[in-house]
Amino acid sequence: ELKIIPEPEGTRGYDDLRRRATREPIGRGLRPSVASPDDHA
């Protein structure tokens, strides 16, 4: 399953979330951008 959420509740979308997102090393050379714990809350 893949969900594409252009503007999650409580946010203004990608530009809002990317500011505090961190790049997390998860193996296989991947370091995806992940919303911050504050933004998840």
All heavy atoms as atom14 arrays in JSON, in Angstrom:
{
  "sequence": "ELKIIPEPEGTRGYDDLRRRATREPIGRGLRPSVASPDDHA",
  "atom14_mask": [
    [1, 1, 1, 1, 1, 1, 1, 1, 1, 0, 0, 0, 0, 0],
    [1, 1, 1, 1, 1, 1, 1, 1, 0, 0, 0, 0, 0, 0],
    [1, 1, 1, 1, 1, 1, 1, 1, 1, 0, 0, 0, 0, 0],
    [1, 1, 1, 1, 1, 1, 1, 1, 0, 0, 0, 0, 0, 0],
    [1, 1, 1, 1, 1, 1, 1, 1, 0, 0, 0, 0, 0, 0],
    [1, 1, 1, 1, 1, 1, 1, 0, 0, 0, 0, 0, 0, 0],
    [1, 1, 1, 1, 1, 1, 1, 1, 1, 0, 0, 0, 0, 0],
    [1, 1, 1, 1, 1, 1, 1, 0, 0, 0, 0, 0, 0, 0],
    [1, 1, 1, 1, 1, 1, 1, 1, 1, 0, 0, 0, 0, 0],
    [1, 1, 1, 1, 0, 0, 0, 0, 0, 0, 0, 0, 0, 0],
    [1, 1, 1, 1, 1, 1, 1, 0, 0, 0, 0, 0, 0, 0],
    [1, 1, 1, 1, 1, 1, 1, 1, 1, 1, 1, 0, 0, 0],
    [1, 1, 1, 1, 0, 0, 0, 0, 0, 0, 0, 0, 0, 0],
    [1, 1, 1, 1, 1, 1, 1, 1, 1, 1, 1, 1, 0, 0],
    [1, 1, 1, 1, 1, 1, 1, 1, 0, 0, 0, 0, 0, 0],
    [1, 1, 1, 1, 1, 1, 1, 1, 0, 0, 0, 0, 0, 0],
    [1, 1, 1, 1, 1, 1, 1, 1, 0, 0, 0, 0, 0, 0],
    [1, 1, 1, 1, 1, 1, 1, 1, 1, 1, 1, 0, 0, 0],
    [1, 1, 1, 1, 1, 1, 1, 1, 1, 1, 1, 0, 0, 0],
    [1, 1, 1, 1, 1, 1, 1, 1, 1, 1, 1, 0, 0, 0],
    [1, 1, 1, 1, 1, 0, 0, 0, 0, 0, 0, 0, 0, 0],
    [1, 1, 1, 1, 1, 1, 1, 0, 0, 0, 0, 0, 0, 0],
    [1, 1, 1, 1, 1, 1, 1, 1, 1, 1, 1, 0, 0, 0],
    [1, 1, 1, 1, 1, 1, 1, 1, 1, 0, 0, 0, 0, 0],
    [1, 1, 1, 1, 1, 1, 1, 0, 0, 0, 0, 0, 0, 0],
    [1, 1, 1, 1, 1, 1, 1, 1, 0, 0, 0, 0, 0, 0],
    [1, 1, 1, 1, 0, 0, 0, 0, 0, 0, 0, 0, 0, 0],
    [1, 1, 1, 1, 1, 1, 1, 1, 1, 1, 1, 0, 0, 0],
    [1, 1, 1, 1, 0, 0, 0, 0, 0, 0, 0, 0, 0, 0],
    [1, 1, 1, 1, 1, 1, 1, 1, 0, 0, 0, 0, 0, 0],
    [1, 1, 1, 1, 1, 1, 1, 1, 1, 1, 1, 0, 0, 0],
    [1, 1, 1, 1, 1, 1, 1, 0, 0, 0, 0, 0, 0, 0],
    [1, 1, 1, 1, 1, 1, 0, 0, 0, 0, 0, 0, 0, 0],
    [1, 1, 1, 1, 1, 1, 1, 0, 0, 0, 0, 0, 0, 0],
    [1, 1, 1, 1, 1, 0, 0, 0, 0, 0, 0, 0, 0, 0],
    [1, 1, 1, 1, 1, 1, 0, 0, 0, 0, 0, 0, 0, 0],
    [1, 1, 1, 1, 1, 1, 1, 0, 0, 0, 0, 0, 0, 0],
    [1, 1, 1, 1, 1, 1, 1, 1, 0, 0, 0, 0, 0, 0],
    [1, 1, 1, 1, 1, 1, 1, 1, 0, 0, 0, 0, 0, 0],
    [1, 1, 1, 1, 1, 1, 1, 1, 1, 1, 0, 0, 0, 0],
    [1, 1, 1, 1, 1, 0, 0, 0, 0, 0, 0, 0, 0, 0]
  ],
  "atom14_positions": [
    [[0.82, -1.21, 0.0], [0.0, 0.0, 0.0], [0.85, 1.26, 0.0], [1.85, 1.36, 0.72], [-0.89, 0.0, 1.25], [-1.82, 1.18, 1.32], [-2.67, 1.13, 2.58], [-3.69, 0.41, 2.57], [-2.3, 1.8, 3.56], [0.0, 0.0, 0.0], [0.0, 0.0, 0.0], [0.0, 0.0, 0.0], [0.0, 0.0, 0.0], [0.0, 0.0, 0.0]],
    [[0.42, 2.23, -0.79], [1.07, 3.54, -0.85], [-0.03, 4.59, -0.78], [-0.99, 4.54, -1.55], [1.86, 3.71, -2.15], [2.45, 5.1, -2.41], [3.5, 5.47, -1.37], [3.04, 5.17, -3.81], [0.0, 0.0, 0.0], [0.0, 0.0, 0.0], [0.0, 0.0, 0.0], [0.0, 0.0, 0.0], [0.0, 0.0, 0.0], [0.0, 0.0, 0.0]],
    [[0.1, 5.51, 0.17], [-0.84, 6.64, 0.27], [-0.09, 7.92, -0.06], [0.98, 8.18, 0.49], [-1.44, 6.73, 1.67], [-2.39, 5.61, 2.0], [-2.97, 5.8, 3.38], [-3.82, 4.61, 3.76], [-4.25, 4.69, 5.16], [0.0, 0.0, 0.0], [0.0, 0.0, 0.0], [0.0, 0.0, 0.0], [0.0, 0.0, 0.0], [0.0, 0.0, 0.0]],
    [[-0.68, 8.69, -0.96], [-0.13, 9.99, -1.33], [-1.05, 11.03, -0.69], [-2.25, 11.06, -0.97], [-0.06, 10.14, -2.85], [0.86, 9.06, -3.42], [0.43, 11.54, -3.23], [0.86, 8.97, -4.92], [0.0, 0.0, 0.0], [0.0, 0.0, 0.0], [0.0, 0.0, 0.0], [0.0, 0.0, 0.0], [0.0, 0.0, 0.0], [0.0, 0.0, 0.0]],
    [[-0.47, 11.86, 0.17], [-1.23, 12.83, 0.94], [-0.68, 14.22, 0.62], [0.33, 14.63, 1.2], [-1.13, 12.53, 2.45], [-1.44, 11.05, 2.71], [-2.06, 13.43, 3.25], [-1.07, 10.57, 4.09], [0.0, 0.0, 0.0], [0.0, 0.0, 0.0], [0.0, 0.0, 0.0], [0.0, 0.0, 0.0], [0.0, 0.0, 0.0], [0.0, 0.0, 0.0]],
    [[-1.33, 14.95, -0.29], [-0.79, 16.26, -0.67], [-0.69, 17.26, 0.48], [0.26, 18.02, 0.55], [-1.78, 16.75, -1.73], [-2.4, 15.5, -2.27], [-2.47, 14.57, -1.11], [0.0, 0.0, 0.0], [0.0, 0.0, 0.0], [0.0, 0.0, 0.0], [0.0, 0.0, 0.0], [0.0, 0.0, 0.0], [0.0, 0.0, 0.0], [0.0, 0.0, 0.0]],
    [[-1.68, 17.25, 1.39], [-1.66, 18.2, 2.51], [-2.25, 17.54, 3.75], [-3.45, 17.63, 4.01], [-2.46, 19.45, 2.14], [-2.27, 20.58, 3.12], [-2.89, 21.87, 2.62], [-2.61, 22.26, 1.46], [-3.65, 22.48, 3.39], [0.0, 0.0, 0.0], [0.0, 0.0, 0.0], [0.0, 0.0, 0.0], [0.0, 0.0, 0.0], [0.0, 0.0, 0.0]],
    [[-1.4, 16.85, 4.54], [-1.91, 16.18, 5.74], [-2.57, 17.17, 6.7], [-2.19, 18.35, 6.75], [-0.65, 15.58, 6.38], [0.36, 15.53, 5.28], [0.04, 16.68, 4.37], [0.0, 0.0, 0.0], [0.0, 0.0, 0.0], [0.0, 0.0, 0.0], [0.0, 0.0, 0.0], [0.0, 0.0, 0.0], [0.0, 0.0, 0.0], [0.0, 0.0, 0.0]],
    [[-3.53, 16.67, 7.46], [-4.2, 17.5, 8.47], [-3.17, 18.17, 9.36], [-2.18, 17.56, 9.76], [-5.13, 16.65, 9.33], [-6.34, 16.13, 8.61], [-7.33, 17.22, 8.24], [-7.48, 18.21, 9.01], [-7.94, 17.09, 7.17], [0.0, 0.0, 0.0], [0.0, 0.0, 0.0], [0.0, 0.0, 0.0], [0.0, 0.0, 0.0], [0.0, 0.0, 0.0]],
    [[-3.4, 19.44, 9.65], [-2.51, 20.18, 10.55], [-1.26, 20.73, 9.9], [-0.42, 21.31, 10.58], [0.0, 0.0, 0.0], [0.0, 0.0, 0.0], [0.0, 0.0, 0.0], [0.0, 0.0, 0.0], [0.0, 0.0, 0.0], [0.0, 0.0, 0.0], [0.0, 0.0, 0.0], [0.0, 0.0, 0.0], [0.0, 0.0, 0.0], [0.0, 0.0, 0.0]],
    [[-1.13, 20.55, 8.58], [0.06, 21.04, 7.87], [-0.36, 21.83, 6.64], [-1.53, 21.83, 6.26], [0.99, 19.9, 7.4], [0.44, 19.29, 6.23], [1.2, 18.87, 8.49], [0.0, 0.0, 0.0], [0.0, 0.0, 0.0], [0.0, 0.0, 0.0], [0.0, 0.0, 0.0], [0.0, 0.0, 0.0], [0.0, 0.0, 0.0], [0.0, 0.0, 0.0]],
    [[0.62, 22.44, 6.02], [0.41, 23.1, 4.73], [1.1, 22.32, 3.61], [1.47, 22.87, 2.59], [0.9, 24.54, 4.8], [0.04, 25.41, 5.72], [0.48, 26.85, 5.81], [1.87, 27.06, 6.16], [2.4, 26.95, 7.38], [1.64, 26.61, 8.39], [3.68, 27.18, 7.6], [0.0, 0.0, 0.0], [0.0, 0.0, 0.0], [0.0, 0.0, 0.0]],
    [[1.35, 21.04, 3.85], [1.91, 20.18, 2.8], [3.41, 20.09, 2.82], [4.08, 20.34, 3.84], [0.0, 0.0, 0.0], [0.0, 0.0, 0.0], [0.0, 0.0, 0.0], [0.0, 0.0, 0.0], [0.0, 0.0, 0.0], [0.0, 0.0, 0.0], [0.0, 0.0, 0.0], [0.0, 0.0, 0.0], [0.0, 0.0, 0.0], [0.0, 0.0, 0.0]],
    [[3.95, 19.7, 1.68], [5.37, 19.38, 1.55], [6.29, 20.5, 2.04], [7.21, 20.26, 2.83], [5.71, 19.03, 0.09], [7.18, 18.87, -0.13], [7.82, 17.69, 0.23], [7.95, 19.89, -0.67], [9.19, 17.54, 0.07], [9.32, 19.75, -0.84], [9.93, 18.57, -0.47], [11.28, 18.43, -0.63], [0.0, 0.0, 0.0], [0.0, 0.0, 0.0]],
    [[6.09, 21.73, 1.57], [7.0, 22.81, 1.93], [7.02, 23.06, 3.44], [8.05, 23.42, 4.01], [6.65, 24.09, 1.18], [7.02, 24.0, -0.29], [7.99, 23.3, -0.62], [6.33, 24.62, -1.12], [0.0, 0.0, 0.0], [0.0, 0.0, 0.0], [0.0, 0.0, 0.0], [0.0, 0.0, 0.0], [0.0, 0.0, 0.0], [0.0, 0.0, 0.0]],
    [[5.89, 22.86, 4.1], [5.8, 23.0, 5.54], [6.59, 21.89, 6.24], [7.35, 22.15, 7.17], [4.31, 22.95, 5.94], [4.05, 23.12, 7.41], [4.93, 23.64, 8.13], [2.95, 22.74, 7.86], [0.0, 0.0, 0.0], [0.0, 0.0, 0.0], [0.0, 0.0, 0.0], [0.0, 0.0, 0.0], [0.0, 0.0, 0.0], [0.0, 0.0, 0.0]],
    [[6.43, 20.66, 5.78], [7.05, 19.51, 6.45], [8.55, 19.38, 6.18], [9.3, 18.91, 7.02], [6.35, 18.22, 6.02], [4.9, 18.09, 6.49], [4.25, 16.89, 5.83], [4.83, 17.99, 8.0], [0.0, 0.0, 0.0], [0.0, 0.0, 0.0], [0.0, 0.0, 0.0], [0.0, 0.0, 0.0], [0.0, 0.0, 0.0], [0.0, 0.0, 0.0]],
    [[9.0, 19.78, 5.01], [10.4, 19.57, 4.63], [11.37, 20.36, 5.49], [12.52, 19.97, 5.67], [10.63, 19.86, 3.16], [10.67, 21.31, 2.81], [10.96, 21.54, 1.33], [10.74, 22.9, 0.97], [11.65, 23.86, 1.08], [12.86, 23.58, 1.5], [11.35, 25.1, 0.75], [0.0, 0.0, 0.0], [0.0, 0.0, 0.0], [0.0, 0.0, 0.0]],
    [[10.91, 21.48, 6.07], [11.81, 22.33, 6.85], [12.4, 21.61, 8.06], [13.56, 21.82, 8.4], [11.08, 23.58, 7.33], [10.76, 24.53, 6.19], [10.06, 25.73, 6.71], [8.86, 25.24, 7.42], [7.8, 25.95, 7.67], [7.76, 27.2, 7.33], [6.76, 25.44, 8.29], [0.0, 0.0, 0.0], [0.0, 0.0, 0.0], [0.0, 0.0, 0.0]],
    [[11.59, 20.78, 8.73], [12.09, 20.09, 9.93], [12.31, 18.6, 9.69], [12.67, 17.87, 10.62], [11.12, 20.3, 11.09], [11.09, 21.74, 11.52], [10.48, 21.96, 12.86], [9.09, 21.52, 12.9], [8.31, 21.68, 13.94], [8.8, 22.23, 15.04], [7.07, 21.28, 13.92], [0.0, 0.0, 0.0], [0.0, 0.0, 0.0], [0.0, 0.0, 0.0]],
    [[12.09, 18.16, 8.48], [12.31, 16.73, 8.16], [13.78, 16.4, 8.27], [14.65, 17.25, 8.08], [11.78, 16.43, 6.76], [0.0, 0.0, 0.0], [0.0, 0.0, 0.0], [0.0, 0.0, 0.0], [0.0, 0.0, 0.0], [0.0, 0.0, 0.0], [0.0, 0.0, 0.0], [0.0, 0.0, 0.0], [0.0, 0.0, 0.0], [0.0, 0.0, 0.0]],
    [[14.05, 15.14, 8.58], [15.42, 14.66, 8.66], [15.6, 13.54, 7.66], [14.65, 12.84, 7.31], [15.76, 14.14, 10.07], [14.82, 13.12, 10.43], [15.72, 15.26, 11.09], [0.0, 0.0, 0.0], [0.0, 0.0, 0.0], [0.0, 0.0, 0.0], [0.0, 0.0, 0.0], [0.0, 0.0, 0.0], [0.0, 0.0, 0.0], [0.0, 0.0, 0.0]],
    [[16.82, 13.37, 7.19], [17.13, 12.26, 6.28], [17.61, 11.11, 7.15], [18.59, 11.23, 7.86], [18.16, 12.7, 5.27], [17.58, 13.89, 4.48], [18.07, 14.15, 3.13], [18.35, 13.09, 2.24], [17.56, 12.73, 1.23], [16.42, 13.32, 1.04], [17.92, 11.78, 0.41], [0.0, 0.0, 0.0], [0.0, 0.0, 0.0], [0.0, 0.0, 0.0]],
    [[16.88, 10.01, 7.09], [17.16, 8.87, 7.96], [17.78, 7.72, 7.16], [17.18, 7.26, 6.19], [15.87, 8.4, 8.64], [15.21, 9.44, 9.53], [16.04, 9.8, 10.75], [16.83, 8.96, 11.21], [15.89, 10.94, 11.23], [0.0, 0.0, 0.0], [0.0, 0.0, 0.0], [0.0, 0.0, 0.0], [0.0, 0.0, 0.0], [0.0, 0.0, 0.0]],
    [[18.96, 7.25, 7.57], [19.57, 6.1, 6.89], [18.82, 4.82, 7.27], [18.73, 4.49, 8.45], [21.0, 6.09, 7.43], [20.92, 6.79, 8.74], [19.79, 7.77, 8.65], [0.0, 0.0, 0.0], [0.0, 0.0, 0.0], [0.0, 0.0, 0.0], [0.0, 0.0, 0.0], [0.0, 0.0, 0.0], [0.0, 0.0, 0.0], [0.0, 0.0, 0.0]],
    [[18.28, 4.13, 6.27], [17.48, 2.93, 6.56], [18.06, 1.68, 5.9], [17.43, 0.63, 5.91], [16.01, 3.12, 6.14], [15.89, 3.35, 4.64], [15.37, 4.26, 6.92], [14.47, 3.29, 4.12], [0.0, 0.0, 0.0], [0.0, 0.0, 0.0], [0.0, 0.0, 0.0], [0.0, 0.0, 0.0], [0.0, 0.0, 0.0], [0.0, 0.0, 0.0]],
    [[19.24, 1.81, 5.34], [19.86, 0.66, 4.67], [19.68, 0.73, 3.17], [18.94, 1.56, 2.64], [0.0, 0.0, 0.0], [0.0, 0.0, 0.0], [0.0, 0.0, 0.0], [0.0, 0.0, 0.0], [0.0, 0.0, 0.0], [0.0, 0.0, 0.0], [0.0, 0.0, 0.0], [0.0, 0.0, 0.0], [0.0, 0.0, 0.0], [0.0, 0.0, 0.0]],
    [[20.4, -0.14, 2.48], [20.38, -0.21, 1.01], [20.71, 1.13, 0.34], [20.24, 1.41, -0.76], [19.03, -0.71, 0.51], [18.71, -2.13, 0.91], [17.51, -2.62, 0.16], [17.08, -3.91, 0.66], [16.0, -4.54, 0.22], [15.26, -4.02, -0.72], [15.66, -5.7, 0.73], [0.0, 0.0, 0.0], [0.0, 0.0, 0.0], [0.0, 0.0, 0.0]],
    [[21.45, 1.95, 1.03], [21.85, 3.24, 0.47], [20.73, 4.28, 0.47], [20.9, 5.35, -0.1], [0.0, 0.0, 0.0], [0.0, 0.0, 0.0], [0.0, 0.0, 0.0], [0.0, 0.0, 0.0], [0.0, 0.0, 0.0], [0.0, 0.0, 0.0], [0.0, 0.0, 0.0], [0.0, 0.0, 0.0], [0.0, 0.0, 0.0], [0.0, 0.0, 0.0]],
    [[19.62, 3.99, 1.13], [18.48, 4.92, 1.16], [18.55, 5.81, 2.39], [18.84, 5.35, 3.48], [17.17, 4.14, 1.16], [16.85, 3.34, -0.09], [15.66, 2.42, 0.14], [16.58, 4.27, -1.26], [0.0, 0.0, 0.0], [0.0, 0.0, 0.0], [0.0, 0.0, 0.0], [0.0, 0.0, 0.0], [0.0, 0.0, 0.0], [0.0, 0.0, 0.0]],
    [[18.27, 7.09, 2.16], [18.18, 8.08, 3.24], [16.97, 8.97, 2.96], [17.12, 10.13, 2.61], [19.45, 8.92, 3.32], [20.66, 8.14, 3.81], [21.9, 9.0, 3.84], [21.69, 10.3, 4.45], [21.99, 10.6, 5.72], [22.53, 9.7, 6.5], [21.77, 11.8, 6.19], [0.0, 0.0, 0.0], [0.0, 0.0, 0.0], [0.0, 0.0, 0.0]],
    [[15.76, 8.41, 3.12], [14.57, 9.21, 2.79], [14.35, 10.33, 3.8], [14.78, 10.26, 4.96], [13.44, 8.18, 2.85], [13.92, 7.16, 3.83], [15.42, 7.08, 3.6], [0.0, 0.0, 0.0], [0.0, 0.0, 0.0], [0.0, 0.0, 0.0], [0.0, 0.0, 0.0], [0.0, 0.0, 0.0], [0.0, 0.0, 0.0], [0.0, 0.0, 0.0]],
    [[13.66, 11.34, 3.35], [13.28, 12.46, 4.18], [12.05, 12.06, 4.99], [11.06, 11.59, 4.43], [12.98, 13.66, 3.26], [12.87, 14.82, 3.99], [0.0, 0.0, 0.0], [0.0, 0.0, 0.0], [0.0, 0.0, 0.0], [0.0, 0.0, 0.0], [0.0, 0.0, 0.0], [0.0, 0.0, 0.0], [0.0, 0.0, 0.0], [0.0, 0.0, 0.0]],
    [[12.11, 12.24, 6.31], [11.05, 11.81, 7.22], [10.59, 13.01, 8.03], [11.42, 13.74, 8.61], [11.55, 10.69, 8.16], [10.44, 10.23, 9.09], [12.11, 9.52, 7.36], [0.0, 0.0, 0.0], [0.0, 0.0, 0.0], [0.0, 0.0, 0.0], [0.0, 0.0, 0.0], [0.0, 0.0, 0.0], [0.0, 0.0, 0.0], [0.0, 0.0, 0.0]],
    [[9.28, 13.22, 8.11], [8.74, 14.32, 8.9], [9.22, 14.2, 10.34], [9.38, 13.1, 10.88], [7.21, 14.31, 8.84], [0.0, 0.0, 0.0], [0.0, 0.0, 0.0], [0.0, 0.0, 0.0], [0.0, 0.0, 0.0], [0.0, 0.0, 0.0], [0.0, 0.0, 0.0], [0.0, 0.0, 0.0], [0.0, 0.0, 0.0], [0.0, 0.0, 0.0]],
    [[9.45, 15.33, 10.98], [9.96, 15.36, 12.35], [8.93, 14.79, 13.34], [7.73, 14.76, 13.06], [10.27, 16.81, 12.74], [9.05, 17.52, 12.92], [0.0, 0.0, 0.0], [0.0, 0.0, 0.0], [0.0, 0.0, 0.0], [0.0, 0.0, 0.0], [0.0, 0.0, 0.0], [0.0, 0.0, 0.0], [0.0, 0.0, 0.0], [0.0, 0.0, 0.0]],
    [[9.41, 14.37, 14.51], [8.47, 13.93, 15.55], [7.45, 15.02, 15.9], [6.28, 14.74, 16.11], [9.37, 13.6, 16.73], [10.67, 13.19, 16.11], [10.81, 14.11, 14.91], [0.0, 0.0, 0.0], [0.0, 0.0, 0.0], [0.0, 0.0, 0.0], [0.0, 0.0, 0.0], [0.0, 0.0, 0.0], [0.0, 0.0, 0.0], [0.0, 0.0, 0.0]],
    [[7.91, 16.28, 15.95], [6.98, 17.39, 16.23], [5.88, 17.47, 15.18], [4.71, 17.66, 15.51], [7.73, 18.73, 16.26], [8.63, 18.86, 17.46], [8.14, 18.68, 18.59], [9.82, 19.16, 17.27], [0.0, 0.0, 0.0], [0.0, 0.0, 0.0], [0.0, 0.0, 0.0], [0.0, 0.0, 0.0], [0.0, 0.0, 0.0], [0.0, 0.0, 0.0]],
    [[6.25, 17.33, 13.91], [5.25, 17.38, 12.85], [4.34, 16.17, 12.88], [3.13, 16.29, 12.61], [5.92, 17.55, 11.48], [6.48, 18.95, 11.28], [5.96, 19.89, 11.91], [7.42, 19.1, 10.48], [0.0, 0.0, 0.0], [0.0, 0.0, 0.0], [0.0, 0.0, 0.0], [0.0, 0.0, 0.0], [0.0, 0.0, 0.0], [0.0, 0.0, 0.0]],
    [[4.88, 15.0, 13.22], [4.01, 13.82, 13.36], [2.99, 14.04, 14.47], [1.81, 13.72, 14.31], [4.85, 12.56, 13.62], [5.32, 11.91, 12.37], [6.59, 12.06, 11.89], [4.68, 11.11, 11.49], [6.72, 11.38, 10.78], [5.58, 10.8, 10.5], [0.0, 0.0, 0.0], [0.0, 0.0, 0.0], [0.0, 0.0, 0.0], [0.0, 0.0, 0.0]],
    [[3.44, 14.6, 15.59], [2.52, 14.88, 16.7], [1.46, 15.9, 16.27], [0.28, 15.74, 16.58], [3.3, 15.38, 17.92], [0.0, 0.0, 0.0], [0.0, 0.0, 0.0], [0.0, 0.0, 0.0], [0.0, 0.0, 0.0], [0.0, 0.0, 0.0], [0.0, 0.0, 0.0], [0.0, 0.0, 0.0], [0.0, 0.0, 0.0], [0.0, 0.0, 0.0]]
  ]
}
